[in-house]
PDB file of all heavy atoms in Angstrom:
ATOM      1  N   THR A   1     -12.699   2.691  18.518  1.00  0.00           N
ATOM      2  CA  THR A   1     -12.097   1.748  17.677  1.00  0.00           C
ATOM      3  C   THR A   1     -12.264   0.231  18.085  1.00  0.00           C
ATOM      4  O   THR A   1     -12.195  -0.664  17.263  1.00  0.00           O
ATOM      5  CB  THR A   1     -10.500   1.928  17.668  1.00  0.00           C
ATOM      6  OG1 THR A   1     -10.019   1.787  19.028  1.00  0.00           O
ATOM      7  CG2 THR A   1     -10.163   3.305  17.214  1.00  0.00           C
ATOM      8  N   GLY A   2     -12.663   0.069  19.366  1.00  0.00           N
ATOM      9  CA  GLY A   2     -12.877  -1.277  19.912  1.00  0.00           C
ATOM     10  C   GLY A   2     -11.625  -1.960  20.349  1.00  0.00           C
ATOM     11  O   GLY A   2     -11.629  -3.089  20.839  1.00  0.00           O
ATOM     12  N   TYR A   3     -10.505  -1.171  20.471  1.00  0.00           N
ATOM     13  CA  TYR A   3      -9.240  -1.712  20.950  1.00  0.00           C
ATOM     14  C   TYR A   3      -8.474  -0.643  21.587  1.00  0.00           C
ATOM     15  O   TYR A   3      -8.713   0.518  21.247  1.00  0.00           O
ATOM     16  CB  TYR A   3      -8.532  -2.596  19.864  1.00  0.00           C
ATOM     17  CG  TYR A   3      -8.105  -1.724  18.701  1.00  0.00           C
ATOM     18  CD1 TYR A   3      -6.882  -1.053  18.709  1.00  0.00           C
ATOM     19  CD2 TYR A   3      -8.916  -1.569  17.547  1.00  0.00           C
ATOM     20  CE1 TYR A   3      -6.498  -0.319  17.583  1.00  0.00           C
ATOM     21  CE2 TYR A   3      -8.630  -0.851  16.491  1.00  0.00           C
ATOM     22  CZ  TYR A   3      -7.294  -0.168  16.545  1.00  0.00           C
ATOM     23  OH  TYR A   3      -7.013   0.532  15.467  1.00  0.00           O
ATOM     24  N   THR A   4      -7.415  -0.936  22.342  1.00  0.00           N
ATOM     25  CA  THR A   4      -6.543   0.043  22.877  1.00  0.00           C
ATOM     26  C   THR A   4      -5.607   0.599  21.856  1.00  0.00           C
ATOM     27  O   THR A   4      -4.930  -0.140  21.301  1.00  0.00           O
ATOM     28  CB  THR A   4      -5.815  -0.596  24.160  1.00  0.00           C
ATOM     29  OG1 THR A   4      -6.671  -1.080  25.051  1.00  0.00           O
ATOM     30  CG2 THR A   4      -4.824   0.505  24.794  1.00  0.00           C
ATOM     31  N   VAL A   5      -5.660   1.850  21.724  1.00  0.00           N
ATOM     32  CA  VAL A   5      -4.799   2.476  20.663  1.00  0.00           C
ATOM     33  C   VAL A   5      -3.449   2.689  21.349  1.00  0.00           C
ATOM     34  O   VAL A   5      -3.070   3.829  21.774  1.00  0.00           O
ATOM     35  CB  VAL A   5      -5.345   3.743  20.124  1.00  0.00           C
ATOM     36  CG1 VAL A   5      -4.526   4.351  19.011  1.00  0.00           C
ATOM     37  CG2 VAL A   5      -6.760   3.569  19.601  1.00  0.00           C
ATOM     38  N   HIS A   6      -2.487   1.685  21.288  1.00  0.00           N
ATOM     39  CA  HIS A   6      -1.288   1.713  22.017  1.00  0.00           C
ATOM     40  C   HIS A   6      -0.336   2.835  21.237  1.00  0.00           C
ATOM     41  O   HIS A   6       0.610   3.334  21.952  1.00  0.00           O
ATOM     42  CB  HIS A   6      -0.534   0.466  21.976  1.00  0.00           C
ATOM     43  CG  HIS A   6      -1.243  -0.626  22.740  1.00  0.00           C
ATOM     44  ND1 HIS A   6      -1.331  -0.579  24.186  1.00  0.00           N
ATOM     45  CD2 HIS A   6      -1.937  -1.766  22.364  1.00  0.00           C
ATOM     46  CE1 HIS A   6      -2.103  -1.519  24.541  1.00  0.00           C
ATOM     47  NE2 HIS A   6      -2.413  -2.326  23.584  1.00  0.00           N
ATOM     48  N   ARG A   7      -0.406   2.985  19.916  1.00  0.00           N
ATOM     49  CA  ARG A   7       0.589   3.687  19.169  1.00  0.00           C
ATOM     50  C   ARG A   7       0.284   5.233  19.112  1.00  0.00           C
ATOM     51  O   ARG A   7       0.859   5.919  18.391  1.00  0.00           O
ATOM     52  CB  ARG A   7       0.792   3.166  17.773  1.00  0.00           C
ATOM     53  CG  ARG A   7       1.356   1.766  17.889  1.00  0.00           C
ATOM     54  CD  ARG A   7       1.246   1.013  16.587  1.00  0.00           C
ATOM     55  NE  ARG A   7       1.846  -0.358  16.637  1.00  0.00           N
ATOM     56  CZ  ARG A   7       1.273  -1.430  17.147  1.00  0.00           C
ATOM     57  NH1 ARG A   7       0.052  -1.295  17.571  1.00  0.00           N
ATOM     58  NH2 ARG A   7       1.897  -2.432  17.171  1.00  0.00           N
ATOM     59  N   GLY A   8      -0.820   5.660  19.811  1.00  0.00           N
ATOM     60  CA  GLY A   8      -1.085   7.037  19.971  1.00  0.00           C
ATOM     61  C   GLY A   8      -1.846   7.753  19.060  1.00  0.00           C
ATOM     62  O   GLY A   8      -2.645   8.727  19.479  1.00  0.00           O
ATOM     63  N   LEU A   9      -1.887   7.307  17.752  1.00  0.00           N
ATOM     64  CA  LEU A   9      -2.737   8.110  16.921  1.00  0.00           C
ATOM     65  C   LEU A   9      -3.219   7.077  15.680  1.00  0.00           C
ATOM     66  O   LEU A   9      -2.545   6.109  15.430  1.00  0.00           O
ATOM     67  CB  LEU A   9      -2.018   9.268  16.249  1.00  0.00           C
ATOM     68  CG  LEU A   9      -0.770   9.073  15.469  1.00  0.00           C
ATOM     69  CD1 LEU A   9      -1.183   8.769  13.794  1.00  0.00           C
ATOM     70  CD2 LEU A   9      -0.062  10.331  15.345  1.00  0.00           C
ATOM     71  N   LEU A  10      -4.302   7.509  15.107  1.00  0.00           N
ATOM     72  CA  LEU A  10      -4.735   6.874  13.951  1.00  0.00           C
ATOM     73  C   LEU A  10      -5.091   8.027  12.933  1.00  0.00           C
ATOM     74  O   LEU A  10      -5.365   9.178  13.355  1.00  0.00           O
ATOM     75  CB  LEU A  10      -6.028   6.156  14.158  1.00  0.00           C
ATOM     76  CG  LEU A  10      -6.021   4.896  15.119  1.00  0.00           C
ATOM     77  CD1 LEU A  10      -7.437   4.573  15.430  1.00  0.00           C
ATOM     78  CD2 LEU A  10      -5.139   3.762  14.653  1.00  0.00           C
ATOM     79  N   ALA A  11      -4.856   7.729  11.634  1.00  0.00           N
ATOM     80  CA  ALA A  11      -5.166   8.709  10.561  1.00  0.00           C
ATOM     81  C   ALA A  11      -6.032   8.176   9.474  1.00  0.00           C
ATOM     82  O   ALA A  11      -5.838   6.954   9.068  1.00  0.00           O
ATOM     83  CB  ALA A  11      -3.896   9.215   9.988  1.00  0.00           C
ATOM     84  N   SER A  12      -7.033   8.786   9.214  1.00  0.00           N
ATOM     85  CA  SER A  12      -7.978   8.427   8.029  1.00  0.00           C
ATOM     86  C   SER A  12      -7.382   9.051   6.848  1.00  0.00           C
ATOM     87  O   SER A  12      -7.245  10.280   6.625  1.00  0.00           O
ATOM     88  CB  SER A  12      -9.321   8.935   8.398  1.00  0.00           C
ATOM     89  OG  SER A  12     -10.142   8.715   7.221  1.00  0.00           O
ATOM     90  N   MET A  13      -6.788   8.230   5.918  1.00  0.00           N
ATOM     91  CA  MET A  13      -6.111   8.572   4.796  1.00  0.00           C
ATOM     92  C   MET A  13      -6.823   8.404   3.443  1.00  0.00           C
ATOM     93  O   MET A  13      -7.520   7.387   3.304  1.00  0.00           O
ATOM     94  CB  MET A  13      -4.748   7.838   4.685  1.00  0.00           C
ATOM     95  CG  MET A  13      -3.954   7.764   5.936  1.00  0.00           C
ATOM     96  SD  MET A  13      -3.111   9.409   6.348  1.00  0.00           S
ATOM     97  CE  MET A  13      -2.075   9.539   4.968  1.00  0.00           C
ATOM     98  N   HIS A  14      -6.682   9.428   2.509  1.00  0.00           N
ATOM     99  CA  HIS A  14      -7.288   9.254   1.260  1.00  0.00           C
ATOM    100  C   HIS A  14      -6.427   8.169   0.491  1.00  0.00           C
ATOM    101  O   HIS A  14      -5.153   8.212   0.475  1.00  0.00           O
ATOM    102  CB  HIS A  14      -7.162  10.555   0.429  1.00  0.00           C
ATOM    103  CG  HIS A  14      -7.906  11.663   1.000  1.00  0.00           C
ATOM    104  ND1 HIS A  14      -9.306  11.780   0.794  1.00  0.00           N
ATOM    105  CD2 HIS A  14      -7.717  12.645   1.868  1.00  0.00           C
ATOM    106  CE1 HIS A  14      -9.758  12.900   1.405  1.00  0.00           C
ATOM    107  NE2 HIS A  14      -8.748  13.400   2.103  1.00  0.00           N
ATOM    108  N   ARG A  15      -7.097   7.228  -0.038  1.00  0.00           N
ATOM    109  CA  ARG A  15      -6.590   6.114  -0.908  1.00  0.00           C
ATOM    110  C   ARG A  15      -6.073   6.599  -2.213  1.00  0.00           C
ATOM    111  O   ARG A  15      -6.851   7.102  -2.849  1.00  0.00           O
ATOM    112  CB  ARG A  15      -7.569   5.009  -1.015  1.00  0.00           C
ATOM    113  CG  ARG A  15      -6.985   3.800  -1.645  1.00  0.00           C
ATOM    114  CD  ARG A  15      -7.966   2.772  -1.627  1.00  0.00           C
ATOM    115  NE  ARG A  15      -8.157   2.099  -0.274  1.00  0.00           N
ATOM    116  CZ  ARG A  15      -7.508   1.030   0.146  1.00  0.00           C
ATOM    117  NH1 ARG A  15      -6.651   0.352  -0.744  1.00  0.00           N
ATOM    118  NH2 ARG A  15      -7.607   0.513   1.269  1.00  0.00           N
ATOM    119  N   PRO A  16      -4.746   6.473  -2.541  1.00  0.00           N
ATOM    120  CA  PRO A  16      -4.264   6.905  -3.755  1.00  0.00           C
ATOM    121  C   PRO A  16      -4.743   6.048  -4.937  1.00  0.00           C
ATOM    122  O   PRO A  16      -5.037   4.929  -4.820  1.00  0.00           O
ATOM    123  CB  PRO A  16      -2.688   6.857  -3.598  1.00  0.00           C
ATOM    124  CG  PRO A  16      -2.541   5.780  -2.568  1.00  0.00           C
ATOM    125  CD  PRO A  16      -3.709   5.792  -1.700  1.00  0.00           C
ATOM    126  N   VAL A  17      -4.740   6.681  -6.180  1.00  0.00           N
ATOM    127  CA  VAL A  17      -5.110   5.819  -7.312  1.00  0.00           C
ATOM    128  C   VAL A  17      -3.895   4.949  -7.634  1.00  0.00           C
ATOM    129  O   VAL A  17      -2.739   5.546  -7.726  1.00  0.00           O
ATOM    130  CB  VAL A  17      -5.498   6.891  -8.552  1.00  0.00           C
ATOM    131  CG1 VAL A  17      -5.680   6.034  -9.803  1.00  0.00           C
ATOM    132  CG2 VAL A  17      -6.692   7.819  -8.194  1.00  0.00           C
ATOM    133  N   LEU A  18      -4.155   3.682  -7.893  1.00  0.00           N
ATOM    134  CA  LEU A  18      -3.126   2.822  -8.315  1.00  0.00           C
ATOM    135  C   LEU A  18      -2.629   3.032  -9.693  1.00  0.00           C
ATOM    136  O   LEU A  18      -3.360   3.393 -10.607  1.00  0.00           O
ATOM    137  CB  LEU A  18      -3.600   1.334  -8.218  1.00  0.00           C
ATOM    138  CG  LEU A  18      -3.931   0.857  -6.824  1.00  0.00           C
ATOM    139  CD1 LEU A  18      -4.528  -0.550  -6.810  1.00  0.00           C
ATOM    140  CD2 LEU A  18      -2.646   0.973  -5.872  1.00  0.00           C
ATOM    141  N   GLY A  19      -1.251   2.937  -9.908  1.00  0.00           N
ATOM    142  CA  GLY A  19      -0.722   3.063 -11.340  1.00  0.00           C
ATOM    143  C   GLY A  19      -0.892   1.868 -12.112  1.00  0.00           C
ATOM    144  O   GLY A  19      -1.374   0.772 -11.665  1.00  0.00           O
ATOM    145  N   SER A  20      -0.538   1.988 -13.440  1.00  0.00           N
ATOM    146  CA  SER A  20      -0.610   0.856 -14.357  1.00  0.00           C
ATOM    147  C   SER A  20       0.479  -0.180 -14.031  1.00  0.00           C
ATOM    148  O   SER A  20       1.528   0.236 -13.390  1.00  0.00           O
ATOM    149  CB  SER A  20      -0.458   1.319 -15.726  1.00  0.00           C
ATOM    150  OG  SER A  20       0.877   1.868 -15.937  1.00  0.00           O
ATOM    151  N   VAL A  21       0.296  -1.451 -14.440  1.00  0.00           N
ATOM    152  CA  VAL A  21       1.324  -2.408 -14.248  1.00  0.00           C
ATOM    153  C   VAL A  21       2.598  -2.037 -14.930  1.00  0.00           C
ATOM    154  O   VAL A  21       3.739  -2.033 -14.429  1.00  0.00           O
ATOM    155  CB  VAL A  21       0.921  -3.740 -14.674  1.00  0.00           C
ATOM    156  CG1 VAL A  21       1.931  -4.808 -14.617  1.00  0.00           C
ATOM    157  CG2 VAL A  21      -0.295  -4.227 -13.865  1.00  0.00           C
ATOM    158  N   ALA A  22       2.421  -1.543 -16.176  1.00  0.00           N
ATOM    159  CA  ALA A  22       3.519  -1.159 -16.997  1.00  0.00           C
ATOM    160  C   ALA A  22       4.409  -0.033 -16.322  1.00  0.00           C
ATOM    161  O   ALA A  22       5.649  -0.026 -16.341  1.00  0.00           O
ATOM    162  CB  ALA A  22       3.157  -0.764 -18.371  1.00  0.00           C
ATOM    163  N   GLY A  23       3.601   1.037 -15.817  1.00  0.00           N
ATOM    164  CA  GLY A  23       4.347   2.010 -15.194  1.00  0.00           C
ATOM    165  C   GLY A  23       5.127   1.559 -13.905  1.00  0.00           C
ATOM    166  O   GLY A  23       6.194   2.170 -13.583  1.00  0.00           O
ATOM    167  N   VAL A  24       4.479   0.772 -13.126  1.00  0.00           N
ATOM    168  CA  VAL A  24       4.999   0.296 -11.846  1.00  0.00           C
ATOM    169  C   VAL A  24       6.267  -0.485 -12.018  1.00  0.00           C
ATOM    170  O   VAL A  24       7.167  -0.360 -11.287  1.00  0.00           O
ATOM    171  CB  VAL A  24       4.104  -0.448 -11.014  1.00  0.00           C
ATOM    172  CG1 VAL A  24       4.698  -1.163  -9.772  1.00  0.00           C
ATOM    173  CG2 VAL A  24       2.919   0.593 -10.534  1.00  0.00           C
ATOM    174  N   VAL A  25       6.350  -1.405 -13.075  1.00  0.00           N
ATOM    175  CA  VAL A  25       7.504  -2.269 -13.262  1.00  0.00           C
ATOM    176  C   VAL A  25       8.438  -1.755 -14.322  1.00  0.00           C
ATOM    177  O   VAL A  25       9.581  -2.354 -14.531  1.00  0.00           O
ATOM    178  CB  VAL A  25       7.008  -3.668 -13.686  1.00  0.00           C
ATOM    179  CG1 VAL A  25       6.071  -4.247 -12.719  1.00  0.00           C
ATOM    180  CG2 VAL A  25       6.420  -3.650 -15.123  1.00  0.00           C
ATOM    181  N   ALA A  26       8.295  -0.568 -14.788  1.00  0.00           N
ATOM    182  CA  ALA A  26       9.097  -0.010 -15.762  1.00  0.00           C
ATOM    183  C   ALA A  26      10.560   0.164 -15.131  1.00  0.00           C
ATOM    184  O   ALA A  26      10.762   0.900 -14.119  1.00  0.00           O
ATOM    185  CB  ALA A  26       8.664   1.233 -16.304  1.00  0.00           C
ATOM    186  N   GLY A  27      11.574  -0.484 -15.735  1.00  0.00           N
ATOM    187  CA  GLY A  27      12.890  -0.390 -15.164  1.00  0.00           C
ATOM    188  C   GLY A  27      13.257  -1.280 -14.031  1.00  0.00           C
ATOM    189  O   GLY A  27      14.238  -1.353 -13.474  1.00  0.00           O
ATOM    190  N   ALA A  28      12.247  -1.993 -13.480  1.00  0.00           N
ATOM    191  CA  ALA A  28      12.381  -2.819 -12.356  1.00  0.00           C
ATOM    192  C   ALA A  28      13.243  -4.111 -12.774  1.00  0.00           C
ATOM    193  O   ALA A  28      12.996  -4.705 -13.753  1.00  0.00           O
ATOM    194  CB  ALA A  28      11.093  -3.247 -11.781  1.00  0.00           C
ATOM    195  N   ARG A  29      14.164  -4.439 -11.836  1.00  0.00           N
ATOM    196  CA  ARG A  29      14.860  -5.682 -12.088  1.00  0.00           C
ATOM    197  C   ARG A  29      14.410  -6.853 -11.254  1.00  0.00           C
ATOM    198  O   ARG A  29      14.566  -7.986 -11.591  1.00  0.00           O
ATOM    199  CB  ARG A  29      16.306  -5.474 -11.689  1.00  0.00           C
ATOM    200  CG  ARG A  29      17.029  -4.352 -12.594  1.00  0.00           C
ATOM    201  CD  ARG A  29      18.461  -4.264 -12.372  1.00  0.00           C
ATOM    202  NE  ARG A  29      19.190  -5.464 -12.879  1.00  0.00           N
ATOM    203  CZ  ARG A  29      20.461  -5.865 -12.376  1.00  0.00           C
ATOM    204  NH1 ARG A  29      21.090  -5.167 -11.569  1.00  0.00           N
ATOM    205  NH2 ARG A  29      20.995  -6.997 -12.826  1.00  0.00           N
ATOM    206  N   LEU A  30      13.757  -6.504 -10.161  1.00  0.00           N
ATOM    207  CA  LEU A  30      13.301  -7.567  -9.285  1.00  0.00           C
ATOM    208  C   LEU A  30      11.908  -7.170  -8.708  1.00  0.00           C
ATOM    209  O   LEU A  30      11.689  -6.116  -8.042  1.00  0.00           O
ATOM    210  CB  LEU A  30      14.227  -7.770  -8.046  1.00  0.00           C
ATOM    211  CG  LEU A  30      13.893  -8.907  -7.090  1.00  0.00           C
ATOM    212  CD1 LEU A  30      13.688 -10.219  -7.706  1.00  0.00           C
ATOM    213  CD2 LEU A  30      14.884  -8.983  -5.898  1.00  0.00           C
ATOM    214  N   VAL A  31      10.926  -8.006  -9.138  1.00  0.00           N
ATOM    215  CA  VAL A  31       9.489  -7.651  -8.858  1.00  0.00           C
ATOM    216  C   VAL A  31       8.877  -8.826  -8.054  1.00  0.00           C
ATOM    217  O   VAL A  31       9.222 -10.053  -8.322  1.00  0.00           O
ATOM    218  CB  VAL A  31       8.679  -7.506 -10.198  1.00  0.00           C
ATOM    219  CG1 VAL A  31       7.250  -7.283  -9.838  1.00  0.00           C
ATOM    220  CG2 VAL A  31       9.268  -6.333 -10.958  1.00  0.00           C
ATOM    221  N   VAL A  32       8.090  -8.577  -7.063  1.00  0.00           N
ATOM    222  CA  VAL A  32       7.471  -9.589  -6.310  1.00  0.00           C
ATOM    223  C   VAL A  32       5.883  -9.633  -6.797  1.00  0.00           C
ATOM    224  O   VAL A  32       5.336  -8.604  -6.839  1.00  0.00           O
ATOM    225  CB  VAL A  32       7.444  -9.357  -4.711  1.00  0.00           C
ATOM    226  CG1 VAL A  32       6.656 -10.363  -3.929  1.00  0.00           C
ATOM    227  CG2 VAL A  32       8.948  -9.361  -4.301  1.00  0.00           C
ATOM    228  N   VAL A  33       5.385 -10.810  -6.967  1.00  0.00           N
ATOM    229  CA  VAL A  33       4.114 -11.007  -7.343  1.00  0.00           C
ATOM    230  C   VAL A  33       3.342 -11.884  -6.281  1.00  0.00           C
ATOM    231  O   VAL A  33       3.782 -12.962  -6.067  1.00  0.00           O
ATOM    232  CB  VAL A  33       3.801 -11.718  -8.720  1.00  0.00           C
ATOM    233  CG1 VAL A  33       2.344 -11.849  -8.972  1.00  0.00           C
ATOM    234  CG2 VAL A  33       4.542 -10.851  -9.854  1.00  0.00           C
ATOM    235  N   LEU A  34       2.457 -11.322  -5.569  1.00  0.00           N
ATOM    236  CA  LEU A  34       1.658 -12.043  -4.557  1.00  0.00           C
ATOM    237  C   LEU A  34       0.303 -12.447  -5.027  1.00  0.00           C
ATOM    238  O   LEU A  34      -0.511 -11.634  -5.385  1.00  0.00           O
ATOM    239  CB  LEU A  34       1.469 -10.999  -3.305  1.00  0.00           C
ATOM    240  CG  LEU A  34       2.670 -10.448  -2.690  1.00  0.00           C
ATOM    241  CD1 LEU A  34       2.360  -9.530  -1.499  1.00  0.00           C
ATOM    242  CD2 LEU A  34       3.721 -11.415  -2.183  1.00  0.00           C
ATOM    243  N   GLU A  35       0.145 -13.763  -5.214  1.00  0.00           N
ATOM    244  CA  GLU A  35      -0.939 -14.263  -5.737  1.00  0.00           C
ATOM    245  C   GLU A  35      -2.034 -14.804  -4.674  1.00  0.00           C
ATOM    246  O   GLU A  35      -1.587 -15.773  -4.011  1.00  0.00           O
ATOM    247  CB  GLU A  35      -0.675 -15.471  -6.812  1.00  0.00           C
ATOM    248  CG  GLU A  35      -2.030 -15.866  -7.427  1.00  0.00           C
ATOM    249  CD  GLU A  35      -1.899 -17.372  -8.084  1.00  0.00           C
ATOM    250  OE1 GLU A  35      -1.356 -18.160  -7.403  1.00  0.00           O
ATOM    251  OE2 GLU A  35      -2.540 -17.442  -9.166  1.00  0.00           O
ATOM    252  N   ASP A  36      -3.196 -14.197  -4.509  1.00  0.00           N
ATOM    253  CA  ASP A  36      -4.241 -14.687  -3.762  1.00  0.00           C
ATOM    254  C   ASP A  36      -3.819 -14.905  -2.281  1.00  0.00           C
ATOM    255  O   ASP A  36      -4.382 -15.807  -1.711  1.00  0.00           O
ATOM    256  CB  ASP A  36      -4.864 -15.863  -4.400  1.00  0.00           C
ATOM    257  CG  ASP A  36      -5.405 -15.711  -5.764  1.00  0.00           C
ATOM    258  OD1 ASP A  36      -5.503 -14.518  -6.183  1.00  0.00           O
ATOM    259  OD2 ASP A  36      -5.854 -16.674  -6.329  1.00  0.00           O
TER     260      ASP A  36
END
C-alpha cells in the first residue's frame, strides 16, 4: 500500500450502481448538495 496499515485490514469493494436523483430524494425533508 505504501503506508502503514494501522487499522488492520483493507477491503476491495464492488462499487454499487448509483440511484436516480428522484429516487434518492423521494420523501427527503433535508438534503445536502455538495458542489465541486
